[in-house]
Protein backbone atom coordinates (compact mmCIF):
# COMPACT_ATOMS: atom_id res chain seq x y z
CA MET A 1 34.89 60.91 127.06
CA ARG A 2 34.35 61.22 123.33
CA THR A 3 37.41 62.58 121.54
CA ASP A 4 36.07 62.66 117.97
CA TYR A 5 33.06 62.08 115.73
CA CYS A 6 32.94 59.18 113.28
CA GLY A 7 32.51 61.22 110.13
CA LYS A 8 35.08 63.84 111.15
CA LEU A 9 38.13 61.58 111.18
CA THR A 10 40.74 62.52 108.59
CA ALA A 11 44.21 61.36 107.53
CA GLU A 12 45.62 63.66 110.22
CA HIS A 13 44.19 61.28 112.83
CA THR A 14 46.27 58.36 111.52
CA GLY A 15 48.20 56.80 114.38
CA SER A 16 46.23 58.55 117.12
CA THR A 17 43.97 56.91 119.69
CA VAL A 18 40.33 58.00 119.62
CA THR A 19 37.18 57.41 121.61
CA LEU A 20 34.00 57.24 119.53
CA TYR A 21 30.31 56.71 120.27
CA GLY A 22 27.59 55.62 117.91
CA TRP A 23 25.35 52.90 116.49
CA VAL A 24 26.30 49.76 114.62
CA ASP A 25 25.32 50.50 111.04
CA ARG A 26 26.49 47.14 109.65
CA ARG A 27 28.46 44.15 110.88
CA ARG A 28 30.51 42.00 108.51
CA ASP A 29 32.50 38.85 109.32
CA HIS A 30 35.33 38.39 106.79
CA GLY A 31 37.20 35.19 107.46
CA GLY A 32 37.82 35.69 111.13
CA VAL A 33 38.13 39.49 111.14
CA ILE A 34 34.95 41.38 112.03
CA PHE A 35 34.26 44.79 110.52
CA LEU A 36 31.77 47.18 112.09
CA ASP A 37 30.47 50.35 110.47
CA LEU A 38 30.01 52.74 113.37
CA ARG A 39 27.56 55.58 112.67
CA ASP A 40 26.88 58.87 114.37
CA HIS A 41 25.22 62.00 113.01
CA THR A 42 28.41 63.06 111.18
CA GLY A 43 28.94 59.88 109.20
CA ILE A 44 30.44 56.38 109.33
CA ILE A 45 33.85 54.94 110.20
CA GLN A 46 34.94 51.34 109.80
CA VAL A 47 35.93 49.64 113.06
CA VAL A 48 38.07 46.49 112.94
CA ALA A 49 37.91 43.74 115.55
CA ASP A 50 40.88 41.39 114.94
CA PRO A 51 41.25 38.10 116.88
CA VAL A 52 45.03 38.64 117.00
CA ARG A 53 45.44 42.40 117.52
CA THR A 54 42.23 43.01 119.54
CA PRO A 55 41.11 39.63 120.90
CA GLU A 56 38.78 40.94 123.63
CA SER A 57 37.01 43.30 121.25
CA PHE A 58 36.77 40.52 118.68
CA LYS A 59 34.95 38.25 121.10
CA LEU A 60 32.41 40.94 121.92
CA ALA A 61 32.01 41.95 118.28
CA GLU A 62 30.78 38.45 117.43
CA SER A 63 27.56 39.18 119.36
CA LEU A 64 26.86 42.64 117.98
CA ARG A 65 23.92 43.47 115.75
CA SER A 66 22.66 46.51 113.86
CA GLU A 67 21.66 49.51 115.99
CA PHE A 68 23.52 48.38 119.13
CA VAL A 69 24.91 51.48 120.84
CA LEU A 70 28.68 51.33 121.31
CA LYS A 71 31.65 53.06 122.82
CA VAL A 72 34.78 52.36 120.79
CA GLU A 73 38.37 53.07 121.79
CA GLY A 74 41.09 52.37 119.29
CA ARG A 75 43.89 53.49 117.02
CA VAL A 76 43.22 55.12 113.65
CA SER A 77 44.94 53.43 110.69
CA ALA A 78 45.02 53.93 106.95
CA ARG A 79 43.18 51.25 105.01
CA PRO A 80 45.11 49.18 102.48
CA GLU A 81 44.88 50.85 99.07
CA ASP A 82 42.77 48.06 97.61
CA LYS A 83 40.28 48.36 100.51
CA VAL A 84 39.57 52.10 100.28
CA ASN A 85 35.84 52.93 100.03
CA PRO A 86 35.48 56.02 97.81
CA ARG A 87 31.79 56.38 98.72
CA LEU A 88 32.63 57.41 102.29
CA GLU A 89 34.37 60.58 103.45
CA THR A 90 36.27 58.34 105.87
CA GLY A 91 36.68 55.54 103.33
CA GLY A 92 40.46 55.62 103.54
CA LEU A 93 40.56 55.05 107.32
CA GLU A 94 39.66 52.42 109.89
CA VAL A 95 39.86 52.14 113.67
CA TYR A 96 41.28 49.04 115.36
CA ALA A 97 39.06 48.48 118.38
CA ASP A 98 41.25 48.13 121.47
CA GLY A 99 38.10 48.50 123.55
CA LEU A 100 34.40 47.95 122.86
CA VAL A 101 31.61 48.71 125.30
CA VAL A 102 27.97 47.92 124.56
CA LEU A 103 26.01 50.84 126.00
CA ASN A 104 22.67 49.42 124.90
CA ARG A 105 21.33 46.56 122.86
CA ALA A 106 18.67 46.87 120.15
CA GLU A 107 15.87 44.77 118.77
CA THR A 108 15.85 44.21 115.02
CA PRO A 109 14.42 47.44 113.53
CA PRO A 110 11.23 47.24 111.44
CA PHE A 111 13.18 48.68 108.51
CA SER A 112 16.83 49.17 107.64
CA ILE A 113 18.50 52.28 108.98
CA ALA A 114 21.61 51.61 106.91
CA GLU A 115 19.97 51.04 103.55
CA ASP A 116 18.44 53.88 101.55
CA ASP A 117 15.45 51.74 100.61
CA GLU A 118 11.88 52.87 100.04
CA VAL A 119 9.93 52.33 103.25
CA ASP A 120 6.17 52.62 103.67
CA GLU A 121 5.52 56.10 105.05
CA LYS A 122 3.10 54.90 107.70
CA LEU A 123 5.79 52.57 109.02
CA ARG A 124 8.30 55.41 109.01
CA LEU A 125 5.93 57.64 110.98
CA ARG A 126 5.02 54.86 113.42
CA PHE A 127 8.74 54.44 114.24
CA ARG A 128 9.75 58.04 113.62
CA TYR A 129 12.53 57.92 116.22
CA LEU A 130 14.20 55.24 114.08
CA ASP A 131 13.44 56.99 110.81
CA LEU A 132 15.19 60.11 112.12
CA ARG A 133 18.41 58.09 112.51
CA ARG A 134 18.59 57.66 108.75
CA PRO A 135 21.28 59.85 107.18
CA GLN A 136 18.91 61.70 104.86
CA MET A 137 16.60 62.69 107.71
CA GLN A 138 19.59 63.78 109.80
CA LYS A 139 20.73 65.89 106.84
CA ASN A 140 17.29 67.43 106.30
CA LEU A 141 16.76 68.47 109.92
CA ARG A 142 20.26 69.88 110.23
CA LEU A 143 19.61 71.84 107.03
CA ARG A 144 16.46 73.19 108.65
CA ALA A 145 18.45 74.29 111.70
CA ARG A 146 20.97 75.98 109.40
CA VAL A 147 18.21 77.92 107.61
CA VAL A 148 16.81 79.13 110.94
CA GLN A 149 20.31 80.17 112.02
CA LEU A 150 20.71 82.22 108.83
CA MET A 151 17.35 83.90 109.43
CA HIS A 152 18.34 84.86 112.96
CA SER A 153 21.72 86.17 111.84
CA TYR A 154 20.38 88.29 108.99
CA LEU A 155 17.53 89.87 110.93
CA ASP A 156 19.48 90.40 114.14
CA ASN A 157 22.09 92.33 112.17
CA LEU A 158 19.35 94.60 110.78
CA GLY A 159 18.04 95.54 114.21
CA PHE A 160 15.03 93.24 114.36
CA VAL A 161 13.78 92.21 117.81
CA GLU A 162 12.59 88.64 118.36
CA VAL A 163 9.33 88.62 120.31
CA GLU A 164 7.21 85.62 121.27
CA THR A 165 3.47 86.04 120.88
CA PRO A 166 0.72 84.02 122.64
CA MET A 167 -0.30 80.51 121.65
CA LEU A 168 -3.69 80.80 123.37
CA THR A 169 -5.54 83.59 121.65
CA LYS A 170 -8.94 84.74 120.34
CA SER A 171 -10.89 82.94 117.63
CA THR A 172 -11.77 84.98 114.55
CA PRO A 173 -14.01 83.75 111.71
CA GLU A 174 -11.90 84.91 108.76
CA GLY A 175 -9.51 82.43 107.13
CA ALA A 176 -9.15 78.72 107.81
CA ARG A 177 -10.78 76.88 110.72
CA ASP A 178 -9.30 77.48 114.16
CA TYR A 179 -8.14 74.80 116.54
CA LEU A 180 -10.19 75.56 119.66
CA VAL A 181 -9.11 75.04 123.28
CA PRO A 182 -11.70 75.11 126.09
CA SER A 183 -10.89 77.20 129.14
CA ARG A 184 -11.25 75.40 132.48
CA VAL A 185 -11.00 78.57 134.56
CA ASN A 186 -13.42 80.47 132.31
CA PRO A 187 -16.22 77.92 131.85
CA GLY A 188 -17.95 78.08 128.48
CA ASP A 189 -15.26 80.22 126.87
CA TRP A 190 -12.66 79.10 124.36
CA TYR A 191 -9.20 79.99 123.19
CA ALA A 192 -7.98 79.46 119.64
CA LEU A 193 -4.51 78.36 118.63
CA PRO A 194 -3.04 81.04 116.34
CA GLN A 195 -3.28 80.69 112.58
CA SER A 196 -0.57 83.33 112.49
CA PRO A 197 0.69 86.09 114.80
CA GLN A 198 -0.84 88.69 112.45
CA LEU A 199 -2.73 90.83 114.95
CA PHE A 200 -0.06 90.62 117.63
CA LYS A 201 2.68 91.74 115.27
CA GLN A 202 0.59 94.71 114.17
CA LEU A 203 0.06 95.61 117.81
CA LEU A 204 3.82 95.40 118.34
CA MET A 205 4.18 98.06 115.64
CA VAL A 206 1.66 100.20 117.56
CA SER A 207 3.88 99.59 120.59
CA GLY A 208 6.90 101.10 118.84
CA PHE A 209 9.07 98.01 118.38
CA ASP A 210 9.70 99.07 114.77
CA ARG A 211 11.19 95.76 113.56
CA TYR A 212 9.89 92.45 114.87
CA TYR A 213 10.42 88.82 113.92
CA GLN A 214 9.60 85.40 115.29
CA ILE A 215 10.03 81.76 114.30
CA ALA A 216 6.35 81.13 114.98
CA ARG A 217 4.27 78.00 115.40
CA CYS A 218 0.90 78.27 113.65
CA PHE A 219 -2.18 76.05 113.49
CA ARG A 220 -4.90 75.60 110.88
CA ASP A 221 -7.65 73.01 110.99
CA GLU A 222 -7.91 72.36 107.27
CA ASP A 223 -7.66 69.50 104.82
CA LEU A 224 -4.09 68.38 104.33
CA ARG A 225 -1.86 67.92 101.30
CA ALA A 226 1.78 66.99 100.84
CA ASP A 227 2.68 70.66 101.39
CA ARG A 228 0.29 71.29 104.30
CA GLN A 229 0.35 70.31 107.97
CA PRO A 230 -2.13 71.17 110.76
CA GLU A 231 0.71 72.76 112.71
CA PHE A 232 3.51 74.47 110.89
CA THR A 233 6.33 76.95 111.38
CA GLN A 234 6.78 80.29 109.73
CA LEU A 235 9.25 83.13 109.84
CA ASP A 236 7.05 86.06 110.79
CA MET A 237 8.21 89.66 110.29
CA GLU A 238 6.77 93.16 110.64
CA MET A 239 8.37 96.58 110.03
CA SER A 240 7.32 100.18 110.62
CA PHE A 241 8.09 103.22 108.46
CA LEU A 242 9.31 101.20 105.46
CA SER A 243 7.89 101.54 101.97
CA LEU A 244 6.84 98.54 99.91
CA GLU A 245 10.04 98.86 97.87
CA GLU A 246 12.20 98.88 101.00
CA ILE A 247 10.44 95.81 102.40
CA LEU A 248 10.96 93.88 99.15
CA GLU A 249 14.62 94.88 99.01
CA LEU A 250 15.19 93.78 102.61
CA ASN A 251 13.54 90.44 101.95
CA GLU A 252 15.47 89.84 98.75
CA GLY A 253 18.62 90.16 100.82
CA LEU A 254 17.29 87.54 103.25
CA ILE A 255 16.47 85.04 100.50
CA GLN A 256 19.77 85.67 98.75
CA LYS A 257 21.60 84.93 101.98
CA ILE A 258 19.67 81.72 102.68
CA LEU A 259 19.84 80.25 99.17
CA GLY A 260 23.37 81.49 98.62
CA GLU A 261 24.74 79.79 101.72
CA THR A 262 22.70 76.58 101.46
CA LEU A 263 22.60 75.96 97.70
CA GLY A 264 25.27 78.31 96.39
CA LEU A 265 22.70 80.19 94.30
CA LYS A 266 23.41 83.68 93.03
CA LEU A 267 20.08 85.39 92.46
CA PRO A 268 19.40 88.44 90.29
CA SER A 269 18.90 91.72 92.12
CA PRO A 270 16.25 92.96 92.10
CA LEU A 271 14.11 89.88 91.59
CA PRO A 272 11.68 89.95 88.65
CA ARG A 273 8.11 91.04 89.34
CA LEU A 274 4.75 90.22 87.81
CA SER A 275 1.42 91.75 88.67
CA TYR A 276 -1.28 89.33 89.71
CA GLN A 277 -3.20 90.15 86.54
CA GLU A 278 -0.21 89.43 84.29
CA ALA A 279 0.67 86.22 86.10
CA MET A 280 -2.87 84.92 85.75
CA SER A 281 -3.16 85.96 82.10
CA ARG A 282 0.16 84.43 81.04
CA TYR A 283 0.41 81.40 83.32
CA GLY A 284 -3.06 80.79 84.78
CA SER A 285 -1.60 80.94 88.29
CA ASP A 286 -0.68 83.49 90.93
CA LYS A 287 2.35 81.34 91.73
CA PRO A 288 3.66 80.66 88.23
CA ASP A 289 6.51 78.34 87.37
CA THR A 290 8.44 80.50 84.91
CA ARG A 291 11.18 77.99 84.13
CA PHE A 292 9.47 77.08 80.86
CA GLY A 293 7.21 78.67 78.26
CA LEU A 294 3.78 77.38 77.23
CA GLU A 295 2.26 80.76 78.05
CA LEU A 296 -1.49 81.24 77.75
CA VAL A 297 -2.87 83.59 75.12
CA ASP A 298 -6.26 85.34 75.32
CA VAL A 299 -7.92 85.02 71.90
CA SER A 300 -11.43 86.07 72.91
CA ASP A 301 -11.61 88.92 70.40
CA LEU A 302 -11.02 86.51 67.51
CA PHE A 303 -14.14 84.52 68.40
CA ILE A 304 -16.64 87.25 69.33
CA ASN A 305 -18.63 86.66 66.15
CA SER A 306 -17.67 83.03 65.67
CA SER A 307 -20.21 80.63 64.23
CA PHE A 308 -19.11 78.15 66.87
CA GLN A 309 -21.69 78.93 69.56
CA VAL A 310 -19.76 77.35 72.43
CA LEU A 311 -17.11 80.06 72.12
CA SER A 312 -19.18 83.07 71.09
CA SER A 313 -21.73 82.37 73.82
CA ALA A 314 -19.04 82.12 76.47
CA ILE A 315 -17.71 85.51 75.42
CA ALA A 316 -21.19 87.04 75.34
CA ALA A 317 -21.71 85.84 78.92
CA GLY A 318 -18.60 87.73 80.02
CA GLY A 319 -16.18 84.82 79.75
CA ARG A 320 -12.97 84.31 77.83
CA VAL A 321 -11.52 82.09 75.16
CA VAL A 322 -7.92 81.24 76.02
CA CYS A 323 -5.38 79.28 73.99
CA LEU A 324 -2.51 77.14 75.28
CA PRO A 325 -0.01 76.74 72.39
CA VAL A 326 2.11 73.58 72.73
CA PRO A 327 5.12 73.27 70.37
CA ASP A 328 6.45 69.96 69.02
CA ALA A 329 3.26 68.24 70.11
CA ASP A 330 2.99 65.47 67.51
CA GLY A 331 3.27 62.95 70.37
CA ILE A 332 0.06 64.22 71.97
CA THR A 333 -2.69 62.29 70.18
CA ASN A 334 -6.14 63.64 69.38
CA THR A 335 -7.63 60.87 71.50
CA ARG A 336 -6.08 62.36 74.63
CA VAL A 337 -7.84 65.67 74.03
CA LYS A 338 -11.26 64.34 73.03
CA PRO A 339 -13.96 63.55 75.63
CA GLU A 340 -12.87 60.69 77.89
CA GLY A 341 -9.24 61.31 76.92
CA ASP A 342 -6.86 61.82 79.84
CA LEU A 343 -6.15 65.50 79.11
CA PHE A 344 -9.86 66.26 78.79
CA GLU A 345 -10.59 64.40 82.03
CA PHE A 346 -7.77 66.27 83.74
CA VAL A 347 -9.17 69.74 83.01
CA ARG A 348 -12.76 68.66 83.62
CA GLN A 349 -12.04 68.11 87.32
CA PHE A 350 -11.16 71.81 87.54
CA GLY A 351 -14.33 73.08 85.91
CA ALA A 352 -13.74 72.65 82.16
CA LYS A 353 -16.77 71.64 80.13
CA GLY A 354 -14.76 71.02 77.01
CA LEU A 355 -11.28 71.17 75.48
CA LEU A 356 -10.95 72.17 71.83
CA PHE A 357 -7.84 71.68 69.75
CA ALA A 358 -6.26 72.47 66.41
CA ARG A 359 -2.93 71.42 64.92
CA VAL A 360 -0.74 73.73 62.88
CA ARG A 361 0.34 72.17 59.58
CA GLU A 362 2.75 73.31 56.90
CA GLY A 363 1.65 76.55 55.29
CA GLY A 364 -0.10 77.72 58.44
CA GLN A 365 -3.16 75.53 57.92
CA LEU A 366 -5.14 74.55 61.02
CA ASP A 367 -6.23 70.93 61.26
CA THR A 368 -9.06 70.00 63.63
CA ILE A 369 -12.37 68.15 63.65
CA GLY A 370 -16.12 68.77 63.75
CA ALA A 371 -17.99 72.04 63.89
CA PHE A 372 -15.06 73.84 65.49
CA GLY A 373 -13.01 73.22 62.37
CA LYS A 374 -15.72 74.63 60.13
CA SER A 375 -15.84 77.80 62.25
CA LEU A 376 -12.12 78.54 61.78
CA THR A 377 -12.31 81.04 58.94
CA PRO A 378 -9.09 82.08 57.19
CA GLU A 379 -9.20 85.34 59.15
CA ILE A 380 -9.51 83.56 62.51
CA ALA A 381 -6.81 81.03 61.56
CA ALA A 382 -4.42 83.80 60.53
CA GLY A 383 -5.16 85.69 63.75
CA LEU A 384 -4.43 82.61 65.85
CA ILE A 385 -1.13 81.95 64.08
CA GLU A 386 -0.05 85.55 64.56
CA ARG A 387 -1.25 85.84 68.17
CA THR A 388 0.33 82.58 69.36
CA SER A 389 3.44 82.65 67.11
CA ALA A 390 2.59 79.03 66.33
CA LYS A 391 4.69 77.00 63.90
CA PRO A 392 4.05 73.69 62.14
CA GLY A 393 3.90 70.98 64.81
CA HIS A 394 2.16 73.20 67.34
CA LEU A 395 -0.96 71.93 69.11
CA LEU A 396 -3.34 74.72 70.03
CA LEU A 397 -5.56 73.86 73.00
CA PHE A 398 -8.58 76.08 73.69
CA GLY A 399 -10.70 76.61 76.77
CA ALA A 400 -13.78 78.78 77.24
CA ALA A 401 -15.40 79.78 80.52
CA ASP A 402 -15.45 82.64 82.99
CA GLY A 403 -11.99 84.14 83.29
CA ALA A 404 -11.03 82.64 86.63
CA THR A 405 -12.11 79.12 85.67
CA VAL A 406 -10.53 78.93 82.22
CA LEU A 407 -7.24 80.42 83.37
CA ASP A 408 -7.12 78.02 86.30
CA TYR A 409 -7.66 74.80 84.38
CA LEU A 410 -5.43 75.76 81.46
CA GLY A 411 -2.75 76.88 83.92
CA ARG A 412 -2.88 73.46 85.56
CA LEU A 413 -2.76 71.78 82.14
CA ARG A 414 0.27 73.93 81.31
CA LEU A 415 2.11 72.54 84.34
CA LYS A 416 1.11 68.98 83.54
CA LEU A 417 2.35 69.23 79.95
CA GLY A 418 5.50 71.06 81.02
CA GLU A 419 6.43 68.07 83.15
CA GLU A 420 5.28 65.48 80.62
CA LEU A 421 7.23 67.07 77.76
CA ASP A 422 10.32 67.48 79.96
CA LEU A 423 10.38 71.25 79.50
CA ILE A 424 11.38 72.06 83.09
CA ASP A 425 15.09 72.35 83.85
CA PRO A 426 15.48 70.93 87.39
CA ASN A 427 18.72 72.85 87.85
CA ARG A 428 17.12 76.21 87.11
CA HIS A 429 15.84 78.40 89.93
CA ASP A 430 13.35 81.17 89.17
CA LEU A 431 12.29 83.47 91.99
CA LEU A 432 9.95 86.40 91.48
CA TRP A 433 7.49 88.67 93.25
CA ILE A 434 3.78 88.67 92.49
CA THR A 435 2.22 92.06 93.30
CA ASP A 436 -1.04 94.01 92.99
CA PHE A 437 -3.38 91.24 94.12
CA PRO A 438 -7.10 92.01 94.26
CA MET A 439 -8.18 93.03 97.74
CA PHE A 440 -11.17 90.67 97.66
CA GLU A 441 -12.57 87.60 95.96
CA TRP A 442 -16.17 86.42 95.72
CA ASN A 443 -17.23 83.59 98.03
CA ALA A 444 -19.97 81.92 95.99
CA LEU A 445 -21.01 79.67 98.88
CA GLU A 446 -21.55 82.51 101.35
CA LYS A 447 -22.44 85.02 98.62
CA ARG A 448 -20.16 87.73 99.88
CA LEU A 449 -16.75 89.22 99.30
CA GLU A 450 -13.88 87.93 101.41
CA ALA A 451 -10.30 89.11 101.74
CA LEU A 452 -7.98 87.39 99.26
CA HIS A 453 -5.16 87.48 101.81
CA HIS A 454 -6.58 88.85 105.07
CA PRO A 455 -8.73 91.87 105.98
CA PHE A 456 -5.79 93.86 107.39
CA THR A 457 -4.11 94.33 103.99
CA ALA A 458 -3.96 97.91 102.74
CA PRO A 459 -5.35 98.88 99.33
CA ARG A 460 -3.39 100.89 96.82
CA PRO A 461 -4.09 104.56 97.72
CA GLU A 462 -5.46 105.35 94.26
CA ASP A 463 -8.01 102.52 94.64
CA GLU A 464 -9.39 103.44 98.08
CA HIS A 465 -12.46 105.10 96.56
CA ASP A 466 -13.86 101.69 95.54
CA LEU A 467 -12.62 98.93 97.81
CA LYS A 468 -14.60 96.21 96.04
CA THR A 469 -12.39 96.51 92.97
CA ALA A 470 -9.23 97.74 94.73
CA ARG A 471 -5.79 96.28 94.29
CA ALA A 472 -3.92 95.37 97.46
CA LEU A 473 -0.45 96.49 98.51
CA ALA A 474 0.34 92.79 98.81
CA TYR A 475 3.25 90.69 97.57
CA ASP A 476 4.05 86.99 97.38
CA ILE A 477 7.47 85.54 96.66
CA VAL A 478 7.39 82.49 94.39
CA TRP A 479 10.14 79.93 93.79
CA ASN A 480 9.75 77.57 90.82
CA GLY A 481 5.98 77.70 91.03
CA VAL A 482 5.73 77.42 94.82
CA GLU A 483 4.78 80.31 97.07
CA ILE A 484 7.35 80.49 99.86
CA GLY A 485 6.22 83.72 101.48
CA GLY A 486 3.65 86.44 101.37
CA GLY A 487 2.87 89.75 102.98
CA SER A 488 1.55 93.25 102.53
CA LEU A 489 1.47 96.77 103.78
CA ARG A 490 -1.19 96.98 106.49
CA ILE A 491 -4.11 99.21 107.21
CA TYR A 492 -3.19 101.53 110.08
CA ARG A 493 -6.13 103.97 110.06
CA ARG A 494 -9.34 103.05 111.89
CA GLU A 495 -11.70 104.53 109.30
CA LEU A 496 -10.20 102.46 106.47
CA GLN A 497 -10.14 99.28 108.55
CA GLU A 498 -13.82 99.73 109.38
CA ARG A 499 -14.61 100.15 105.69
CA VAL A 500 -12.82 96.87 104.90
CA PHE A 501 -14.76 95.05 107.63
CA GLU A 502 -17.98 96.46 106.17
CA THR A 503 -16.97 95.32 102.66
CA ILE A 504 -16.56 91.71 103.79
CA GLY A 505 -19.96 91.76 105.48
CA LEU A 506 -19.09 92.39 109.13
CA SER A 507 -21.58 94.57 110.92
CA GLU A 508 -20.32 97.33 113.20
CA GLU A 509 -21.24 95.18 116.21
CA GLU A 510 -19.46 92.10 114.81
CA ALA A 511 -16.35 94.11 113.96
CA ARG A 512 -16.32 95.57 117.45
CA ALA A 513 -16.74 92.17 119.11
CA GLN A 514 -14.02 90.49 117.08
CA PHE A 515 -11.50 93.26 116.44
CA GLY A 516 -12.36 96.07 118.82
CA PHE A 517 -8.92 95.92 120.43
CA LEU A 518 -7.26 96.57 117.05
CA LEU A 519 -9.61 99.42 116.14
CA ASP A 520 -8.97 101.02 119.53
CA ALA A 521 -5.21 100.68 119.04
CA PHE A 522 -5.46 102.60 115.76
CA GLU A 523 -6.66 105.60 117.78
CA TYR A 524 -3.29 105.98 119.51
CA GLY A 525 -0.79 106.91 116.83
CA THR A 526 -0.29 103.75 114.80
CA PRO A 527 2.67 104.01 112.40
CA PRO A 528 2.57 102.88 108.76
CA HIS A 529 3.78 99.28 108.72
CA GLY A 530 3.96 96.09 106.74
CA GLY A 531 5.38 92.62 106.90
CA ILE A 532 5.71 89.17 105.49
CA ALA A 533 5.68 85.55 106.59
CA TYR A 534 7.63 82.65 105.10
CA GLY A 535 6.59 79.02 105.34
CA LEU A 536 9.73 77.61 106.95
CA ASP A 537 8.74 73.98 106.37
CA ARG A 538 8.02 74.62 102.69
CA LEU A 539 11.19 76.64 102.17
CA VAL A 540 13.38 73.93 103.67
CA MET A 541 11.52 71.28 101.65
CA LEU A 542 12.47 73.08 98.43
CA ILE A 543 16.08 73.61 99.50
CA ALA A 544 16.38 69.93 100.42
CA GLY A 545 14.86 68.89 97.09
CA VAL A 546 12.20 66.63 98.61
CA ASP A 547 8.51 66.31 97.74
CA SER A 548 6.81 66.39 101.14
CA LEU A 549 6.88 68.60 104.22
CA ARG A 550 7.06 65.43 106.29
CA GLU A 551 10.64 64.98 105.10
CA VAL A 552 11.79 68.17 106.87
CA ILE A 553 9.63 68.10 110.03
CA ALA A 554 10.82 66.00 112.96
CA PHE A 555 7.43 64.71 114.07
CA PRO A 556 4.81 65.41 111.39
CA LYS A 557 1.20 64.40 111.06
CA THR A 558 -0.38 62.21 108.37
CA GLN A 559 -2.87 63.31 105.71
CA ARG A 560 -5.57 62.73 108.36
CA ALA A 561 -3.77 64.95 110.89
CA GLN A 562 -2.74 61.97 112.99
CA ASP A 563 0.49 61.26 114.85
CA LEU A 564 1.04 57.54 114.28
CA MET A 565 3.90 57.38 116.76
CA LEU A 566 1.93 58.81 119.70
CA SER A 567 -1.49 57.60 118.52
CA ALA A 568 -2.81 61.14 118.61
CA PRO A 569 -5.44 62.49 118.61
CA SER A 570 -6.83 60.13 121.20
CA ALA A 571 -9.67 59.80 123.66
CA VAL A 572 -9.56 61.60 126.99
CA SER A 573 -11.28 60.68 130.21
CA GLU A 574 -14.76 61.78 131.20
CA LYS A 575 -13.17 63.48 134.20
CA GLN A 576 -11.06 65.69 131.94
CA LEU A 577 -14.06 66.62 129.82
CA LYS A 578 -16.13 67.41 132.89
CA GLU A 579 -13.41 69.70 134.25
CA LEU A 580 -13.53 71.61 130.97
CA ASN A 581 -17.33 71.74 130.92
CA VAL A 582 -17.46 70.06 127.51
CA ARG A 583 -18.71 66.76 126.16
CA SER A 584 -18.51 64.90 122.88
CA THR A 585 -21.55 63.89 120.87
CA LEU A 586 -19.48 61.19 119.14
CA PRO A 587 -17.73 58.12 120.54
CA PRO A 588 -13.90 58.18 120.39
CA GLN A 589 -12.75 57.33 116.86
CA GLY A 590 -9.41 55.84 117.87
CA MET A 591 -6.29 55.44 115.77
CA ALA A 592 -7.29 51.93 114.74
CA LYS A 593 -9.39 53.41 111.93
CA SER A 594 -6.55 55.47 110.51
């Protein structure tokens, strides 16, 4: 029976006999004495096999290799002072192996478990069970478990009830693509895997549960990025009879608890807030990184009557001229901003048709080139200097387009230059709320309005008279430029919900077919309610300080939504398809093409 864990041995164990289990991390033969680093999930301890003191163990140790699974019985000793390893928690101790038992042998792994080397990610995912043995992955997944434990503790203490909602549910057209599941017992009909428990948690509020939460699995069939997976986990919450202010206060307490106990952060209370409009105007993003400046400045009014037609025409068409002032920018050459320069090419991929620039010289003179320079009258130049607070050495970058486009590409350029100029303090943590989102955005492809968040979000009461321009009672929480959670107060009156469905182009018949159960529920005394959901994977990724969700998920998918370890997705038999009354119009693709 195990008496102790490798990484938990301390000086108090000196002289005692212990029984340990683990894997051989390294084996070293030093002039007749064999040293084994034995590893379990808590850490490493050095095991000594001596031909004089432990002859039987020494003989067996000669045949051991990395990743063999061992049982070790022996006496704990202090290492000689000149042999102490300060890099290990147990570096001052060693265990003389009175008994060694090989519980299982191991082939040579395809990559080192012991070394913290860079390993091709596809190889890591192919042998994920080995990758998860690596200390950093052990640390990440145990951190994830700790975060979930803190969530449970905080919400349980506030009277929340954990409720599981169905995984096989109804497909709805709004939002991302559904993963569909054919029904064998209902031929021709389909389930959808849930994109979120949104409708169920609202129905739980109708049911009187008052405070609900769930660590929920969700599924979205969409293109992947480093911070997206086809299946993901979120902390899902819903509350009745709480105001927006009370919901934000409750959630600030949750985040303070999680980040306080995992990172030792002490956050301001209350957290800062920005309206959506202010965030977009100042940072070009609804999830702004506020750890550095480089704020955008709208200078449209200065160029209304400009002789430079590119700018005045953009304004006349309802667009904006926006400036990104960059201080101490002598290192950014003109070539980088001109056509075919890397900064120009960067913004062009996000819709920019041009990128103008001017440099601030001594005396407040603006230095630029071409027709743009000739259009900068003394009045315009003075206005720019005053509006941007620019000093000599500033580079003023200008974009012109419709408001959404120009703010987006200059906001992205802001982030790029913030990183390039080393303006972002990696030890700083800025959290804030973004509020007052628009209810809807225009879908140019489908030529209709669609809900910016989802169609169950309530508008601000003073905006209900015109839903098309209404602001939503919605809120996102942003950490260092990454959205970690978002929610809203919900619609709880049938008449208003029907108006929202009509605004996004659903006919009465379509609304009834897709959401009739919710509309009916609103007829039976639905309380005011609201909620929020946090991306658990993303939150843990940020706490762990890693760059990909795959570093904090045990068995993730690739960018192509494939599981390289299981070779999934994969073909199924014709018999299975026939039982489900479905067939494929394509041959199986197979993992070989991944």
